[in-house]
Amino acid sequence: MSMKDKEAVFNFLFKKQLPTLPTIFTEFNKLMKTQYVSNKAIADLIMKDQAMVVKILKLSNSALYGKREEIKNLTSAITYLGLETLRNIVLQIALVRMFRFEHQKIPDFNPATFWQHSIGTAYFSNLLENKLHLPHSEGFYIGGLLHDIGKVLIYQFYPQKFEEIVLLQIDDELSGIEAEEEILGANHAEIGGFLADKWKFDREIIEAIEYHHLNKKTKVSIVTSVVSICNLFTRKAGLSFPWDEKSVDIKNHPGWKLLAEQSKMNIDIDHIILQLTEEIDAVKDAVFELLRPAK
């Protein structure tokens, strides 16, 4: 039986034991909020997980971060990347480990592709923030990384409906939002916002997740506009499922108008798209490196 009542979905999830934020991320955040956090304290925390250290070093030396001289140890990586970038890398590594998809029945469904898209959106959101010199916020990266996290909850708590949703997208060429609302009665953006609220993220991150499709929202924050644009751009870059790559019209995406209104900027969309396009290979290399199994 299809669950059409949105309230019933959230009442159901409210009673469930929802996943918690990775411990290493919460401990990292606590350290960052102390007045005199030292690089040694951060290094000591991360050194407890040698596999994560290896990933961080490989990513530090990737083209995305533009380091010409090889970074050979964690202390150098911390100094070069800075605490916020390092914390973001820790979060993405921990999330990929924490949420695993094991469904083998859905045609063309590859769990790695879900994370390629999520991590790619985080990277492009961060790049767009920098290229437009927008007021800095951790919401660009974290909002991009978590924008589709609601799909994980649908997969975890409604596995049969998750399969029905994907098959409906493939067979009837519906958007994810349309298929989810038809089968489940609620969509991944709303569910992701619900989880982000439980995780006590700032309101701008919750909003970026909940409204990244600009659904039922005519005025959004700068962060939400950027995540919405980069969600689509990541699809254009080929970091998405095959059924999500249809009709990618970046230039006419409504997020640009909303972004211009909120930032009070005149944005040369063609130029910015060209700049982001030039970063695609570097982003893909970093994404694939992060997802590559540790040896």
Protein backbone atom coordinates (compact mmCIF):
# COMPACT_ATOMS: atom_id res chain seq x y z
CA MET A 1 0.00 0.00 0.00
CA SER A 2 1.39 3.37 -0.99
CA MET A 3 1.73 5.88 1.85
CA LYS A 4 0.26 9.13 0.59
CA ASP A 5 -0.04 10.93 3.90
CA LYS A 6 3.03 13.12 4.41
CA GLU A 7 2.29 13.51 8.09
CA ALA A 8 2.29 9.75 8.51
CA VAL A 9 5.76 9.55 6.95
CA PHE A 10 7.23 12.04 9.41
CA ASN A 11 5.40 10.53 12.37
CA PHE A 12 6.89 7.18 11.37
CA LEU A 13 10.42 8.60 11.06
CA PHE A 14 10.05 10.52 14.32
CA LYS A 15 9.60 7.25 16.18
CA LYS A 16 12.58 5.59 14.54
CA GLN A 17 16.15 5.58 15.77
CA LEU A 18 17.61 7.89 13.15
CA PRO A 19 21.32 7.79 12.31
CA THR A 20 23.49 10.17 14.30
CA LEU A 21 26.31 12.34 13.00
CA PRO A 22 29.68 10.54 12.83
CA THR A 23 31.48 10.81 16.16
CA ILE A 24 34.74 11.99 14.62
CA PHE A 25 32.90 14.90 12.97
CA THR A 26 31.18 15.99 16.19
CA GLU A 27 34.47 15.75 18.12
CA PHE A 28 36.21 17.77 15.39
CA ASN A 29 33.51 20.44 15.63
CA LYS A 30 33.92 20.62 19.42
CA LEU A 31 37.66 21.15 19.03
CA MET A 32 37.10 23.89 16.46
CA LYS A 33 34.87 25.75 18.90
CA THR A 34 37.48 25.84 21.64
CA GLN A 35 39.36 29.10 21.97
CA TYR A 36 42.86 27.78 21.42
CA VAL A 37 42.50 24.65 19.31
CA SER A 38 45.89 23.31 18.24
CA ASN A 39 46.83 21.47 15.09
CA LYS A 40 48.23 18.74 17.35
CA ALA A 41 44.84 18.18 18.99
CA ILE A 42 43.23 17.86 15.55
CA ALA A 43 45.99 15.53 14.37
CA ASP A 44 45.67 13.36 17.47
CA LEU A 45 41.94 12.96 16.81
CA ILE A 46 42.35 11.99 13.16
CA MET A 47 45.38 9.76 13.78
CA LYS A 48 43.07 7.35 15.59
CA ASP A 49 41.82 6.40 12.12
CA GLN A 50 44.78 5.56 9.90
CA ALA A 51 42.62 4.78 6.86
CA MET A 52 41.18 8.28 7.09
CA VAL A 53 44.67 9.76 7.33
CA VAL A 54 45.63 8.02 4.08
CA LYS A 55 42.52 9.41 2.35
CA ILE A 56 43.21 12.92 3.61
CA LEU A 57 46.79 12.87 2.34
CA LYS A 58 45.72 11.64 -1.09
CA LEU A 59 43.01 14.30 -1.34
CA SER A 60 45.40 17.01 -0.12
CA ASN A 61 47.64 16.24 -3.07
CA SER A 62 44.83 16.19 -5.63
CA ALA A 63 44.48 18.83 -8.34
CA LEU A 64 41.33 20.16 -6.69
CA TYR A 65 43.36 21.67 -3.87
CA GLY A 66 46.14 22.87 -6.16
CA LYS A 67 49.15 21.83 -4.08
CA ARG A 68 52.34 21.71 -6.15
CA GLU A 69 54.64 20.31 -3.49
CA GLU A 70 53.68 16.89 -2.16
CA ILE A 71 52.07 16.84 1.27
CA LYS A 72 53.57 13.88 3.11
CA ASN A 73 52.14 14.07 6.62
CA LEU A 74 48.94 15.00 8.42
CA THR A 75 50.42 18.06 10.11
CA SER A 76 51.27 19.57 6.72
CA ALA A 77 47.80 18.71 5.44
CA ILE A 78 46.17 20.49 8.38
CA THR A 79 48.31 23.59 7.83
CA TYR A 80 47.71 23.66 4.08
CA LEU A 81 44.00 22.83 3.99
CA GLY A 82 42.86 24.70 7.09
CA LEU A 83 40.55 23.34 9.75
CA GLU A 84 37.23 23.93 8.00
CA THR A 85 38.25 22.24 4.74
CA LEU A 86 39.76 19.36 6.69
CA ARG A 87 36.60 19.00 8.76
CA ASN A 88 34.53 18.85 5.56
CA ILE A 89 36.76 16.10 4.19
CA VAL A 90 36.42 14.17 7.46
CA LEU A 91 32.63 14.48 7.24
CA GLN A 92 32.42 13.18 3.69
CA ILE A 93 34.72 10.22 4.41
CA ALA A 94 32.74 9.34 7.56
CA LEU A 95 29.35 9.61 5.83
CA VAL A 96 30.37 7.34 2.97
CA ARG A 97 31.40 4.73 5.52
CA MET A 98 28.30 5.17 7.65
CA PHE A 99 25.64 4.93 4.94
CA ARG A 100 26.03 1.87 2.75
CA PHE A 101 23.64 0.75 0.05
CA GLU A 102 23.36 -2.98 -0.50
CA HIS A 103 20.37 -3.11 -2.87
CA GLN A 104 21.11 -5.16 -5.95
CA LYS A 105 17.65 -5.35 -7.53
CA ILE A 106 17.39 -1.90 -9.09
CA PRO A 107 18.59 -1.57 -12.70
CA ASP A 108 21.36 1.02 -13.17
CA PHE A 109 21.47 1.74 -9.43
CA ASN A 110 25.06 2.02 -8.31
CA PRO A 111 25.56 3.17 -4.70
CA ALA A 112 28.87 4.82 -5.60
CA THR A 113 27.01 7.11 -8.01
CA PHE A 114 24.89 8.46 -5.16
CA TRP A 115 28.03 9.54 -3.32
CA GLN A 116 29.71 10.82 -6.49
CA HIS A 117 26.76 13.16 -6.95
CA SER A 118 26.60 14.26 -3.31
CA ILE A 119 30.32 14.91 -2.94
CA GLY A 120 30.52 16.51 -6.40
CA THR A 121 27.73 18.92 -5.48
CA ALA A 122 29.60 19.86 -2.30
CA TYR A 123 32.79 20.59 -4.26
CA PHE A 124 31.02 22.61 -6.96
CA SER A 125 29.07 24.58 -4.33
CA ASN A 126 32.34 25.47 -2.63
CA LEU A 127 33.88 26.45 -5.99
CA LEU A 128 30.91 28.63 -6.97
CA GLU A 129 31.05 30.34 -3.58
CA ASN A 130 34.71 31.20 -4.16
CA LYS A 131 34.38 32.23 -7.81
CA LEU A 132 31.57 34.67 -7.00
CA HIS A 133 33.31 35.86 -3.81
CA LEU A 134 30.16 35.24 -1.81
CA PRO A 135 30.07 35.79 1.96
CA HIS A 136 31.65 32.67 3.40
CA SER A 137 29.46 30.01 4.99
CA GLU A 138 30.00 26.36 5.84
CA GLY A 139 26.51 25.87 4.42
CA PHE A 140 27.75 25.82 0.82
CA TYR A 141 29.83 22.70 1.32
CA ILE A 142 27.75 20.89 3.92
CA GLY A 143 24.46 21.77 2.22
CA GLY A 144 25.84 20.42 -1.05
CA LEU A 145 27.13 17.25 0.58
CA LEU A 146 23.86 16.51 2.39
CA HIS A 147 21.34 17.78 -0.17
CA ASP A 148 20.21 14.25 -1.09
CA ILE A 149 20.63 12.64 2.34
CA GLY A 150 16.86 12.13 2.51
CA LYS A 151 17.22 9.45 -0.16
CA VAL A 152 19.32 7.46 2.30
CA LEU A 153 16.50 7.53 4.87
CA ILE A 154 13.98 6.43 2.25
CA TYR A 155 16.32 3.58 1.32
CA GLN A 156 16.89 2.63 4.96
CA PHE A 157 13.31 2.77 6.25
CA TYR A 158 11.27 2.19 3.07
CA PRO A 159 13.43 -0.17 0.95
CA GLN A 160 10.54 -1.54 -1.11
CA LYS A 161 9.18 1.93 -1.83
CA PHE A 162 12.71 3.11 -2.65
CA GLU A 163 12.85 0.47 -5.38
CA GLU A 164 9.39 1.46 -6.65
CA ILE A 165 10.45 5.13 -6.75
CA VAL A 166 13.58 4.44 -8.79
CA LEU A 167 11.73 2.16 -11.21
CA LEU A 168 9.01 4.79 -11.64
CA GLN A 169 11.68 7.37 -12.48
CA ILE A 170 13.19 5.03 -15.05
CA ASP A 171 9.97 3.73 -16.59
CA ASP A 172 7.84 6.89 -16.55
CA GLU A 173 10.67 9.45 -16.74
CA LEU A 174 9.42 11.27 -13.65
CA SER A 175 11.65 13.46 -11.51
CA GLY A 176 12.76 12.07 -8.18
CA ILE A 177 10.47 14.50 -6.35
CA GLU A 178 7.44 13.46 -8.44
CA ALA A 179 8.10 9.75 -8.05
CA GLU A 180 8.68 10.03 -4.29
CA GLU A 181 5.51 12.00 -3.69
CA GLU A 182 3.48 9.57 -5.78
CA ILE A 183 4.82 6.44 -4.07
CA LEU A 184 5.67 7.67 -0.57
CA GLY A 185 3.72 10.87 -0.02
CA ALA A 186 6.84 12.87 0.92
CA ASN A 187 10.04 13.69 -0.94
CA HIS A 188 13.74 13.28 -0.17
CA ALA A 189 14.33 17.02 0.20
CA GLU A 190 11.77 17.33 2.99
CA ILE A 191 13.02 14.15 4.66
CA GLY A 192 16.64 15.31 4.40
CA GLY A 193 15.71 18.63 6.01
CA PHE A 194 14.02 16.68 8.80
CA LEU A 195 17.23 14.71 9.46
CA ALA A 196 19.43 17.83 9.28
CA ASP A 197 17.18 19.46 11.88
CA LYS A 198 17.61 16.43 14.15
CA TRP A 199 21.36 16.77 13.63
CA LYS A 200 21.05 20.40 14.81
CA PHE A 201 22.61 21.99 11.75
CA ASP A 202 22.13 25.71 11.19
CA ARG A 203 18.91 26.81 9.55
CA GLU A 204 20.62 27.78 6.27
CA ILE A 205 21.92 24.19 5.86
CA ILE A 206 18.50 22.71 6.65
CA GLU A 207 16.90 25.05 4.12
CA ALA A 208 19.51 24.25 1.45
CA ILE A 209 18.65 20.55 1.82
CA GLU A 210 14.90 21.02 2.03
CA TYR A 211 14.58 23.46 -0.88
CA HIS A 212 17.47 22.55 -3.20
CA HIS A 213 14.93 21.78 -5.93
CA LEU A 214 13.44 25.25 -5.30
CA ASN A 215 10.14 23.46 -4.74
CA LYS A 216 7.34 25.54 -3.23
CA LYS A 217 9.78 28.33 -2.43
CA THR A 218 10.00 31.69 -4.20
CA LYS A 219 12.60 33.32 -1.95
CA VAL A 220 15.59 31.38 -0.70
CA SER A 221 19.01 32.08 0.80
CA ILE A 222 22.21 32.48 -1.18
CA VAL A 223 23.34 29.08 0.08
CA THR A 224 20.17 27.37 -1.16
CA SER A 225 20.49 29.01 -4.59
CA VAL A 226 24.11 27.88 -4.91
CA VAL A 227 23.36 24.29 -3.84
CA SER A 228 20.41 24.18 -6.26
CA ILE A 229 22.56 25.36 -9.17
CA CYS A 230 25.40 23.00 -8.33
CA ASN A 231 23.06 20.05 -7.89
CA LEU A 232 22.15 20.55 -11.55
CA PHE A 233 25.72 21.30 -12.62
CA THR A 234 26.94 18.06 -11.03
CA ARG A 235 24.43 16.23 -13.20
CA LYS A 236 25.79 18.09 -16.23
CA ALA A 237 29.27 16.93 -15.22
CA GLY A 238 28.10 13.31 -15.40
CA LEU A 239 28.14 12.66 -11.66
CA SER A 240 24.59 11.35 -11.42
CA PHE A 241 22.34 8.45 -12.28
CA PRO A 242 21.52 8.03 -16.00
CA TRP A 243 17.87 8.91 -15.49
CA ASP A 244 18.83 12.22 -13.81
CA GLU A 245 20.92 13.53 -16.72
CA LYS A 246 18.03 14.42 -19.03
CA SER A 247 17.41 18.05 -20.04
CA VAL A 248 20.13 19.71 -17.99
CA ASP A 249 19.65 23.41 -18.75
CA ILE A 250 22.12 25.15 -16.46
CA LYS A 251 21.99 28.59 -18.02
CA ASN A 252 18.24 28.98 -17.55
CA HIS A 253 18.08 27.43 -14.10
CA PRO A 254 15.94 29.70 -11.84
CA GLY A 255 18.59 29.53 -9.12
CA TRP A 256 20.68 32.12 -10.98
CA LYS A 257 17.94 34.75 -10.74
CA LEU A 258 17.37 34.01 -7.07
CA LEU A 259 21.12 34.14 -6.42
CA ALA A 260 21.46 37.49 -8.19
CA GLU A 261 18.54 38.92 -6.20
CA GLN A 262 19.85 37.74 -2.84
CA SER A 263 23.51 38.66 -3.46
CA LYS A 264 22.67 41.88 -5.34
CA MET A 265 25.21 40.90 -8.01
CA ASN A 266 25.23 41.02 -11.78
CA ILE A 267 26.30 37.48 -12.63
CA ASP A 268 27.86 36.61 -15.98
CA ILE A 269 26.28 33.16 -16.11
CA ASP A 270 28.10 32.01 -19.26
CA HIS A 271 31.46 32.95 -17.76
CA ILE A 272 30.77 31.24 -14.44
CA ILE A 273 29.54 28.07 -16.18
CA LEU A 274 32.75 28.06 -18.23
CA GLN A 275 34.83 28.44 -15.06
CA LEU A 276 33.01 25.57 -13.35
CA THR A 277 33.34 23.43 -16.47
CA GLU A 278 37.11 23.91 -16.35
CA GLU A 279 37.07 22.36 -12.85
CA ILE A 280 35.14 19.20 -13.78
CA ASP A 281 38.18 16.95 -14.21
CA ALA A 282 39.72 18.08 -10.92
CA VAL A 283 36.43 17.54 -9.08
CA LYS A 284 35.97 14.09 -10.61
CA ASP A 285 39.52 13.09 -9.68
CA ALA A 286 38.93 14.13 -6.06
CA VAL A 287 35.55 12.38 -5.89
CA PHE A 288 36.88 9.14 -7.34
CA GLU A 289 39.92 9.26 -5.03
CA LEU A 290 37.73 9.64 -1.99
CA LEU A 291 35.50 6.74 -3.00
CA ARG A 292 38.35 4.46 -4.06
CA PRO A 293 38.65 1.50 -1.63
CA ALA A 294 41.59 1.77 0.71
CA LYS A 295 44.41 -0.63 -0.08
